[in-house]
Amino acid sequence: MAASVSNDVEVTEFAGQLFFRLWRASHTRTAEALSSVGLTPALFSLLNVLGAREGTIQQQLSSDMGIDPSAMVKLINELEDAGLAERRRRPGDRRAWEVSITPTGRRTLERARRLAMQVEDEVLGGLTAAERPQLLMLLRRAVDSAPPQPPWRPAEGD
C-alpha cells in the first residue's frame, strides 16, 4: 500500500514540488497502461505528434519536441521496428528524412490515447470538466515562458 503524502502547505507550497508529485502519479500509471500496447511514454509522445502531422522532417521533430537528435533517431527506429512509423527521404531534399505514421501506428495511437485519457481522468479526478482545459491552458503558458532547456536524452528517464 502506498504511503499517504502530506498536503501541508509547508510541503506543497512550491509549484515544482506539486508538478513533481502530479508527474509521478501520471507518469507511473501512464507507463503501465501504455506498456499494454507496446509503447513507452516517450514513444507515445512521438507517435502522438506523428499522428497529428503528415510527413514531418526528422530534424524538425527533434527540435519541436525538445529531444536530442540521437535520441530521436533511436525512438524513430523503435517505432519503425514495430511497424508504427516509416521513414523515407524527402522528395527534393535527399538529405532530409520524412517520418510518417503507418496505418498500424494510427490504430495503436488510438488505443494509446484512450489509455492515456483513462489515466488522465484518474489523475485529474479532483478537477471539474471546466477546470481541466483551464489547467492545460495555464500549463502551456508556463511552458512557453519557462527558461529554455537542453534537449531531452534517454538518461533522464522515460
N, C-alpha and C. Protein backbone atom coordinates (compact mmCIF):
# COMPACT_ATOMS: atom_id res chain seq x y z
N MET A 1 0.84 -1.19 0.00
CA MET A 1 0.00 0.00 0.00
C MET A 1 0.88 1.25 0.00
N ALA A 2 0.52 2.21 -0.81
CA ALA A 2 1.29 3.44 -0.93
C ALA A 2 1.13 4.29 0.32
N ALA A 3 2.21 4.91 0.72
CA ALA A 3 2.18 5.79 1.88
C ALA A 3 1.40 7.05 1.54
N SER A 4 0.71 7.58 2.52
CA SER A 4 -0.04 8.83 2.34
C SER A 4 0.95 9.98 2.23
N VAL A 5 0.67 10.92 1.33
CA VAL A 5 1.53 12.08 1.14
C VAL A 5 0.89 13.27 1.82
N SER A 6 1.68 14.01 2.54
CA SER A 6 1.18 15.17 3.27
C SER A 6 0.68 16.25 2.32
N ASN A 7 -0.39 16.90 2.69
CA ASN A 7 -0.90 18.05 1.94
C ASN A 7 -0.66 19.35 2.70
N ASP A 8 0.22 19.30 3.71
CA ASP A 8 0.55 20.50 4.47
C ASP A 8 1.06 21.59 3.55
N VAL A 9 0.68 22.82 3.80
CA VAL A 9 1.12 23.95 3.00
C VAL A 9 2.64 24.01 2.95
N GLU A 10 3.30 23.71 4.06
CA GLU A 10 4.77 23.78 4.09
C GLU A 10 5.39 22.80 3.10
N VAL A 11 4.71 21.71 2.83
CA VAL A 11 5.25 20.69 1.93
C VAL A 11 4.88 21.00 0.48
N THR A 12 3.70 21.54 0.25
CA THR A 12 3.19 21.68 -1.11
C THR A 12 3.20 23.11 -1.63
N GLU A 13 3.87 24.01 -0.97
CA GLU A 13 3.77 25.40 -1.38
C GLU A 13 4.50 25.76 -2.67
N PHE A 14 5.42 24.93 -3.11
CA PHE A 14 6.16 25.24 -4.32
C PHE A 14 5.58 24.50 -5.51
N ALA A 15 5.38 25.22 -6.62
CA ALA A 15 4.79 24.61 -7.82
C ALA A 15 5.62 23.42 -8.28
N GLY A 16 6.93 23.53 -8.25
CA GLY A 16 7.79 22.43 -8.70
C GLY A 16 7.54 21.15 -7.93
N GLN A 17 7.31 21.27 -6.63
CA GLN A 17 7.02 20.07 -5.83
C GLN A 17 5.69 19.46 -6.24
N LEU A 18 4.72 20.32 -6.47
CA LEU A 18 3.41 19.82 -6.90
C LEU A 18 3.48 19.21 -8.29
N PHE A 19 4.22 19.85 -9.20
CA PHE A 19 4.40 19.30 -10.55
C PHE A 19 5.02 17.91 -10.46
N PHE A 20 6.04 17.79 -9.62
CA PHE A 20 6.73 16.52 -9.49
C PHE A 20 5.79 15.43 -8.98
N ARG A 21 5.02 15.74 -7.97
CA ARG A 21 4.10 14.74 -7.41
C ARG A 21 3.03 14.36 -8.43
N LEU A 22 2.50 15.33 -9.14
CA LEU A 22 1.49 15.04 -10.16
C LEU A 22 2.11 14.29 -11.34
N TRP A 23 3.32 14.68 -11.74
CA TRP A 23 4.02 13.98 -12.82
C TRP A 23 4.23 12.51 -12.45
N ARG A 24 4.68 12.25 -11.22
CA ARG A 24 4.92 10.86 -10.82
C ARG A 24 3.65 10.05 -10.88
N ALA A 25 2.56 10.59 -10.37
CA ALA A 25 1.28 9.87 -10.40
C ALA A 25 0.86 9.59 -11.84
N SER A 26 0.98 10.58 -12.67
CA SER A 26 0.58 10.45 -14.06
C SER A 26 1.53 9.54 -14.84
N HIS A 27 2.81 9.79 -14.70
CA HIS A 27 3.81 9.06 -15.49
C HIS A 27 3.81 7.56 -15.16
N THR A 28 3.78 7.22 -13.90
CA THR A 28 3.81 5.82 -13.50
C THR A 28 2.61 5.07 -14.06
N ARG A 29 1.43 5.65 -13.89
CA ARG A 29 0.21 4.99 -14.37
C ARG A 29 0.17 4.96 -15.90
N THR A 30 0.62 6.04 -16.53
CA THR A 30 0.63 6.08 -17.99
C THR A 30 1.60 5.04 -18.55
N ALA A 31 2.77 4.94 -17.97
CA ALA A 31 3.75 3.95 -18.43
C ALA A 31 3.19 2.54 -18.33
N GLU A 32 2.53 2.24 -17.23
CA GLU A 32 1.92 0.92 -17.05
C GLU A 32 0.85 0.67 -18.11
N ALA A 33 -0.01 1.65 -18.33
CA ALA A 33 -1.11 1.49 -19.29
C ALA A 33 -0.57 1.34 -20.71
N LEU A 34 0.40 2.17 -21.09
CA LEU A 34 0.93 2.14 -22.44
C LEU A 34 1.71 0.86 -22.74
N SER A 35 2.28 0.25 -21.72
CA SER A 35 3.03 -0.99 -21.95
C SER A 35 2.12 -2.07 -22.54
N SER A 36 0.83 -1.98 -22.29
CA SER A 36 -0.11 -2.98 -22.83
C SER A 36 -0.25 -2.88 -24.35
N VAL A 37 0.15 -1.76 -24.94
CA VAL A 37 0.13 -1.62 -26.40
C VAL A 37 1.56 -1.48 -26.95
N GLY A 38 2.55 -1.81 -26.13
CA GLY A 38 3.93 -1.84 -26.58
C GLY A 38 4.61 -0.49 -26.69
N LEU A 39 4.10 0.50 -25.96
CA LEU A 39 4.69 1.84 -26.01
C LEU A 39 5.22 2.27 -24.65
N THR A 40 6.18 3.18 -24.69
CA THR A 40 6.63 3.90 -23.50
C THR A 40 6.05 5.30 -23.60
N PRO A 41 6.09 6.10 -22.54
CA PRO A 41 5.62 7.48 -22.66
C PRO A 41 6.34 8.27 -23.75
N ALA A 42 7.65 8.07 -23.92
CA ALA A 42 8.38 8.79 -24.97
C ALA A 42 7.92 8.37 -26.36
N LEU A 43 7.73 7.06 -26.57
CA LEU A 43 7.25 6.58 -27.87
C LEU A 43 5.82 7.07 -28.13
N PHE A 44 5.00 7.08 -27.11
CA PHE A 44 3.63 7.59 -27.25
C PHE A 44 3.64 9.06 -27.64
N SER A 45 4.50 9.83 -27.00
CA SER A 45 4.59 11.25 -27.30
C SER A 45 4.95 11.47 -28.77
N LEU A 46 5.94 10.74 -29.24
CA LEU A 46 6.36 10.87 -30.63
C LEU A 46 5.26 10.39 -31.58
N LEU A 47 4.65 9.26 -31.29
CA LEU A 47 3.58 8.74 -32.14
C LEU A 47 2.40 9.70 -32.18
N ASN A 48 2.12 10.35 -31.06
CA ASN A 48 1.04 11.33 -30.98
C ASN A 48 1.31 12.52 -31.90
N VAL A 49 2.55 12.99 -31.94
CA VAL A 49 2.92 14.09 -32.83
C VAL A 49 2.82 13.63 -34.29
N LEU A 50 3.32 12.43 -34.57
CA LEU A 50 3.25 11.91 -35.94
C LEU A 50 1.80 11.74 -36.39
N GLY A 51 0.92 11.40 -35.46
CA GLY A 51 -0.49 11.25 -35.79
C GLY A 51 -1.15 12.57 -36.13
N ALA A 52 -0.58 13.66 -35.65
CA ALA A 52 -1.15 14.99 -35.91
C ALA A 52 -0.54 15.67 -37.12
N ARG A 53 0.58 15.16 -37.61
CA ARG A 53 1.30 15.77 -38.73
C ARG A 53 1.57 14.72 -39.80
N GLU A 54 1.48 15.11 -41.02
CA GLU A 54 1.80 14.20 -42.13
C GLU A 54 3.22 14.46 -42.61
N GLY A 55 4.03 13.42 -42.67
CA GLY A 55 5.37 13.53 -43.26
C GLY A 55 6.23 14.61 -42.65
N THR A 56 6.47 14.52 -41.36
CA THR A 56 7.28 15.51 -40.67
C THR A 56 8.77 15.21 -40.83
N ILE A 57 9.55 16.25 -41.01
CA ILE A 57 11.00 16.10 -41.13
C ILE A 57 11.58 15.68 -39.77
N GLN A 58 12.43 14.67 -39.80
CA GLN A 58 13.01 14.13 -38.57
C GLN A 58 13.69 15.21 -37.73
N GLN A 59 14.49 16.05 -38.36
CA GLN A 59 15.19 17.11 -37.65
C GLN A 59 14.21 18.08 -36.99
N GLN A 60 13.10 18.38 -37.68
CA GLN A 60 12.10 19.28 -37.13
C GLN A 60 11.42 18.65 -35.92
N LEU A 61 11.16 17.34 -35.98
CA LEU A 61 10.58 16.63 -34.83
C LEU A 61 11.47 16.78 -33.61
N SER A 62 12.75 16.57 -33.81
CA SER A 62 13.71 16.67 -32.72
C SER A 62 13.67 18.07 -32.10
N SER A 63 13.68 19.07 -32.93
CA SER A 63 13.66 20.46 -32.47
C SER A 63 12.33 20.79 -31.77
N ASP A 64 11.21 20.47 -32.43
CA ASP A 64 9.89 20.81 -31.88
C ASP A 64 9.60 20.12 -30.55
N MET A 65 10.07 18.88 -30.43
CA MET A 65 9.76 18.12 -29.23
C MET A 65 10.82 18.27 -28.14
N GLY A 66 11.92 18.98 -28.45
CA GLY A 66 12.97 19.17 -27.45
C GLY A 66 13.69 17.89 -27.10
N ILE A 67 13.90 17.03 -28.12
CA ILE A 67 14.56 15.75 -27.92
C ILE A 67 15.89 15.76 -28.67
N ASP A 68 16.94 15.32 -28.01
CA ASP A 68 18.26 15.23 -28.61
C ASP A 68 18.16 14.45 -29.93
N PRO A 69 18.80 14.93 -31.00
CA PRO A 69 18.70 14.25 -32.30
C PRO A 69 19.06 12.76 -32.26
N SER A 70 20.09 12.38 -31.51
CA SER A 70 20.45 10.96 -31.46
C SER A 70 19.37 10.16 -30.73
N ALA A 71 18.74 10.75 -29.71
CA ALA A 71 17.64 10.08 -29.02
C ALA A 71 16.43 9.96 -29.94
N MET A 72 16.21 10.98 -30.78
CA MET A 72 15.10 10.94 -31.72
C MET A 72 15.29 9.80 -32.71
N VAL A 73 16.50 9.62 -33.20
CA VAL A 73 16.79 8.53 -34.14
C VAL A 73 16.42 7.19 -33.49
N LYS A 74 16.80 7.00 -32.25
CA LYS A 74 16.50 5.74 -31.55
C LYS A 74 15.00 5.54 -31.39
N LEU A 75 14.28 6.60 -31.04
CA LEU A 75 12.82 6.49 -30.88
C LEU A 75 12.15 6.14 -32.21
N ILE A 76 12.58 6.82 -33.27
CA ILE A 76 12.01 6.54 -34.59
C ILE A 76 12.34 5.11 -35.02
N ASN A 77 13.56 4.67 -34.73
CA ASN A 77 13.93 3.28 -35.05
C ASN A 77 13.00 2.30 -34.34
N GLU A 78 12.70 2.57 -33.08
CA GLU A 78 11.80 1.68 -32.32
C GLU A 78 10.40 1.66 -32.95
N LEU A 79 9.90 2.84 -33.33
CA LEU A 79 8.58 2.89 -33.96
C LEU A 79 8.60 2.17 -35.31
N GLU A 80 9.67 2.36 -36.07
CA GLU A 80 9.80 1.68 -37.36
C GLU A 80 9.86 0.16 -37.18
N ASP A 81 10.67 -0.29 -36.23
CA ASP A 81 10.82 -1.73 -35.97
C ASP A 81 9.48 -2.36 -35.59
N ALA A 82 8.63 -1.59 -34.92
CA ALA A 82 7.31 -2.09 -34.51
C ALA A 82 6.26 -1.92 -35.61
N GLY A 83 6.65 -1.32 -36.73
CA GLY A 83 5.71 -1.11 -37.84
C GLY A 83 4.73 0.04 -37.60
N LEU A 84 5.07 0.95 -36.67
CA LEU A 84 4.17 2.04 -36.31
C LEU A 84 4.47 3.34 -37.05
N ALA A 85 5.68 3.44 -37.59
CA ALA A 85 6.09 4.63 -38.35
C ALA A 85 7.02 4.19 -39.45
N GLU A 86 7.17 5.07 -40.44
CA GLU A 86 8.13 4.79 -41.51
C GLU A 86 8.86 6.08 -41.85
N ARG A 87 10.10 5.87 -42.28
CA ARG A 87 10.97 6.99 -42.62
C ARG A 87 11.34 6.85 -44.09
N ARG A 88 11.32 7.97 -44.80
CA ARG A 88 11.76 7.96 -46.21
C ARG A 88 12.40 9.30 -46.53
N ARG A 89 13.22 9.28 -47.56
CA ARG A 89 13.88 10.52 -47.99
C ARG A 89 12.83 11.50 -48.47
N ARG A 90 13.04 12.74 -48.15
CA ARG A 90 12.11 13.80 -48.57
C ARG A 90 12.33 14.09 -50.05
N PRO A 91 11.25 14.07 -50.83
CA PRO A 91 11.40 14.41 -52.25
C PRO A 91 11.96 15.84 -52.40
N GLY A 92 12.94 15.98 -53.24
CA GLY A 92 13.52 17.30 -53.47
C GLY A 92 14.65 17.65 -52.52
N ASP A 93 14.82 16.88 -51.43
CA ASP A 93 15.91 17.13 -50.49
C ASP A 93 16.37 15.79 -49.94
N ARG A 94 17.28 15.14 -50.61
CA ARG A 94 17.71 13.78 -50.25
C ARG A 94 18.45 13.74 -48.91
N ARG A 95 18.79 14.90 -48.35
CA ARG A 95 19.44 14.91 -47.04
C ARG A 95 18.44 14.80 -45.91
N ALA A 96 17.19 15.15 -46.16
CA ALA A 96 16.17 15.18 -45.10
C ALA A 96 15.35 13.89 -45.10
N TRP A 97 15.00 13.44 -43.90
CA TRP A 97 14.15 12.27 -43.73
C TRP A 97 12.77 12.71 -43.27
N GLU A 98 11.74 12.19 -43.94
CA GLU A 98 10.36 12.40 -43.50
C GLU A 98 9.94 11.20 -42.68
N VAL A 99 9.21 11.46 -41.63
CA VAL A 99 8.71 10.38 -40.78
C VAL A 99 7.19 10.47 -40.78
N SER A 100 6.54 9.33 -41.04
CA SER A 100 5.08 9.27 -41.10
C SER A 100 4.57 8.11 -40.27
N ILE A 101 3.40 8.27 -39.75
CA ILE A 101 2.72 7.20 -39.02
C ILE A 101 2.14 6.22 -40.04
N THR A 102 2.18 4.94 -39.70
CA THR A 102 1.60 3.91 -40.57
C THR A 102 0.15 3.64 -40.15
N PRO A 103 -0.61 2.92 -40.96
CA PRO A 103 -1.97 2.54 -40.52
C PRO A 103 -1.96 1.76 -39.21
N THR A 104 -1.00 0.88 -39.03
CA THR A 104 -0.89 0.16 -37.75
C THR A 104 -0.57 1.13 -36.62
N GLY A 105 0.30 2.10 -36.91
CA GLY A 105 0.62 3.12 -35.92
C GLY A 105 -0.59 3.94 -35.54
N ARG A 106 -1.41 4.25 -36.51
CA ARG A 106 -2.63 5.03 -36.23
C ARG A 106 -3.58 4.25 -35.32
N ARG A 107 -3.75 2.96 -35.59
CA ARG A 107 -4.62 2.13 -34.73
C ARG A 107 -4.05 2.03 -33.31
N THR A 108 -2.73 1.85 -33.22
CA THR A 108 -2.07 1.78 -31.91
C THR A 108 -2.20 3.11 -31.18
N LEU A 109 -2.06 4.20 -31.92
CA LEU A 109 -2.18 5.53 -31.32
C LEU A 109 -3.58 5.73 -30.74
N GLU A 110 -4.60 5.33 -31.45
CA GLU A 110 -5.97 5.50 -30.94
C GLU A 110 -6.16 4.72 -29.64
N ARG A 111 -5.65 3.50 -29.59
CA ARG A 111 -5.74 2.72 -28.35
C ARG A 111 -4.94 3.38 -27.24
N ALA A 112 -3.74 3.86 -27.57
CA ALA A 112 -2.89 4.51 -26.57
C ALA A 112 -3.51 5.80 -26.05
N ARG A 113 -4.14 6.56 -26.94
CA ARG A 113 -4.81 7.80 -26.49
C ARG A 113 -5.94 7.49 -25.52
N ARG A 114 -6.70 6.44 -25.80
CA ARG A 114 -7.78 6.05 -24.87
C ARG A 114 -7.20 5.69 -23.50
N LEU A 115 -6.11 4.93 -23.51
CA LEU A 115 -5.47 4.55 -22.25
C LEU A 115 -4.96 5.78 -21.50
N ALA A 116 -4.30 6.69 -22.23
CA ALA A 116 -3.77 7.90 -21.61
C ALA A 116 -4.90 8.76 -21.04
N MET A 117 -6.01 8.82 -21.74
CA MET A 117 -7.16 9.61 -21.25
C MET A 117 -7.74 8.98 -19.97
N GLN A 118 -7.77 7.66 -19.90
CA GLN A 118 -8.25 6.99 -18.68
C GLN A 118 -7.35 7.36 -17.50
N VAL A 119 -6.04 7.35 -17.73
CA VAL A 119 -5.11 7.72 -16.67
C VAL A 119 -5.30 9.18 -16.30
N GLU A 120 -5.44 10.05 -17.30
CA GLU A 120 -5.63 11.47 -17.02
C GLU A 120 -6.91 11.70 -16.23
N ASP A 121 -7.97 10.97 -16.58
CA ASP A 121 -9.22 11.09 -15.81
C ASP A 121 -9.01 10.70 -14.35
N GLU A 122 -8.22 9.67 -14.14
CA GLU A 122 -7.93 9.22 -12.78
C GLU A 122 -7.08 10.25 -12.03
N VAL A 123 -6.02 10.70 -12.66
CA VAL A 123 -5.08 11.61 -12.01
C VAL A 123 -5.70 12.98 -11.77
N LEU A 124 -6.50 13.45 -12.71
CA LEU A 124 -7.12 14.77 -12.58
C LEU A 124 -8.56 14.70 -12.08
N GLY A 125 -8.88 13.61 -11.43
CA GLY A 125 -10.24 13.40 -10.92
C GLY A 125 -10.72 14.47 -9.96
N GLY A 126 -9.81 15.18 -9.34
CA GLY A 126 -10.19 16.23 -8.40
C GLY A 126 -10.56 17.54 -9.07
N LEU A 127 -10.45 17.60 -10.40
CA LEU A 127 -10.80 18.82 -11.14
C LEU A 127 -12.12 18.62 -11.87
N THR A 128 -12.85 19.70 -12.03
CA THR A 128 -14.10 19.63 -12.78
C THR A 128 -13.78 19.61 -14.27
N ALA A 129 -14.79 19.30 -15.07
CA ALA A 129 -14.62 19.30 -16.53
C ALA A 129 -14.23 20.68 -17.03
N ALA A 130 -14.69 21.73 -16.39
CA ALA A 130 -14.34 23.10 -16.80
C ALA A 130 -12.92 23.47 -16.38
N GLU A 131 -12.43 22.90 -15.29
CA GLU A 131 -11.10 23.24 -14.79
C GLU A 131 -9.98 22.58 -15.60
N ARG A 132 -10.25 21.45 -16.21
CA ARG A 132 -9.20 20.74 -16.94
C ARG A 132 -8.65 21.54 -18.13
N PRO A 133 -9.50 22.10 -19.01
CA PRO A 133 -8.94 22.93 -20.10
C PRO A 133 -8.21 24.16 -19.56
N GLN A 134 -8.69 24.67 -18.44
CA GLN A 134 -8.04 25.81 -17.81
C GLN A 134 -6.63 25.43 -17.35
N LEU A 135 -6.51 24.25 -16.75
CA LEU A 135 -5.21 23.76 -16.30
C LEU A 135 -4.27 23.62 -17.50
N LEU A 136 -4.74 23.03 -18.58
CA LEU A 136 -3.91 22.86 -19.78
C LEU A 136 -3.45 24.21 -20.33
N MET A 137 -4.36 25.16 -20.37
CA MET A 137 -4.01 26.50 -20.86
C MET A 137 -2.93 27.13 -19.97
N LEU A 138 -3.08 27.02 -18.67
CA LEU A 138 -2.09 27.59 -17.76
C LEU A 138 -0.74 26.88 -17.88
N LEU A 139 -0.77 25.57 -18.01
CA LEU A 139 0.48 24.82 -18.16
C LEU A 139 1.18 25.19 -19.47
N ARG A 140 0.42 25.34 -20.56
CA ARG A 140 1.03 25.75 -21.84
C ARG A 140 1.69 27.12 -21.70
N ARG A 141 1.00 28.05 -21.04
CA ARG A 141 1.57 29.39 -20.85
C ARG A 141 2.86 29.31 -20.03
N ALA A 142 2.84 28.48 -18.99
CA ALA A 142 4.03 28.33 -18.14
C ALA A 142 5.18 27.72 -18.94
N VAL A 143 4.88 26.69 -19.74
CA VAL A 143 5.92 26.06 -20.56
C VAL A 143 6.48 27.05 -21.56
N ASP A 144 5.61 27.84 -22.19
CA ASP A 144 6.06 28.83 -23.19
C ASP A 144 6.98 29.89 -22.59
N SER A 145 6.78 30.20 -21.32
CA SER A 145 7.60 31.25 -20.70
C SER A 145 8.75 30.71 -19.86
N ALA A 146 8.84 29.39 -19.74
CA ALA A 146 9.92 28.79 -18.94
C ALA A 146 11.26 28.97 -19.63
N PRO A 147 12.34 29.00 -18.85
CA PRO A 147 13.68 29.10 -19.45
C PRO A 147 13.93 27.92 -20.39
N PRO A 148 14.67 28.15 -21.46
CA PRO A 148 14.98 27.05 -22.39
C PRO A 148 15.72 25.92 -21.67
N GLN A 149 15.45 24.71 -22.12
CA GLN A 149 16.10 23.53 -21.56
C GLN A 149 16.93 22.84 -22.64
N PRO A 150 17.98 22.13 -22.23
CA PRO A 150 18.69 21.35 -23.23
C PRO A 150 17.78 20.23 -23.72
N PRO A 151 18.01 19.70 -24.92
CA PRO A 151 17.16 18.62 -25.41
C PRO A 151 17.17 17.41 -24.49
N TRP A 152 16.01 16.74 -24.42
CA TRP A 152 15.85 15.54 -23.59
C TRP A 152 16.72 14.41 -24.12
N ARG A 153 17.30 13.67 -23.20
CA ARG A 153 18.10 12.48 -23.51
C ARG A 153 17.54 11.31 -22.69
N PRO A 154 17.61 10.11 -23.22
CA PRO A 154 17.07 8.95 -22.52
C PRO A 154 17.61 8.74 -21.10
N ALA A 155 18.82 9.21 -20.83
CA ALA A 155 19.40 9.06 -19.49
C ALA A 155 18.55 9.75 -18.42
N GLU A 156 17.71 10.71 -18.85
CA GLU A 156 16.85 11.40 -17.89
C GLU A 156 15.67 10.55 -17.46
N GLY A 157 15.43 9.46 -18.15
CA GLY A 157 14.29 8.60 -17.84
C GLY A 157 13.17 8.87 -18.83
N ASP A 158 12.35 7.83 -18.98
CA ASP A 158 11.27 7.92 -19.97
C ASP A 158 10.03 8.41 -19.32
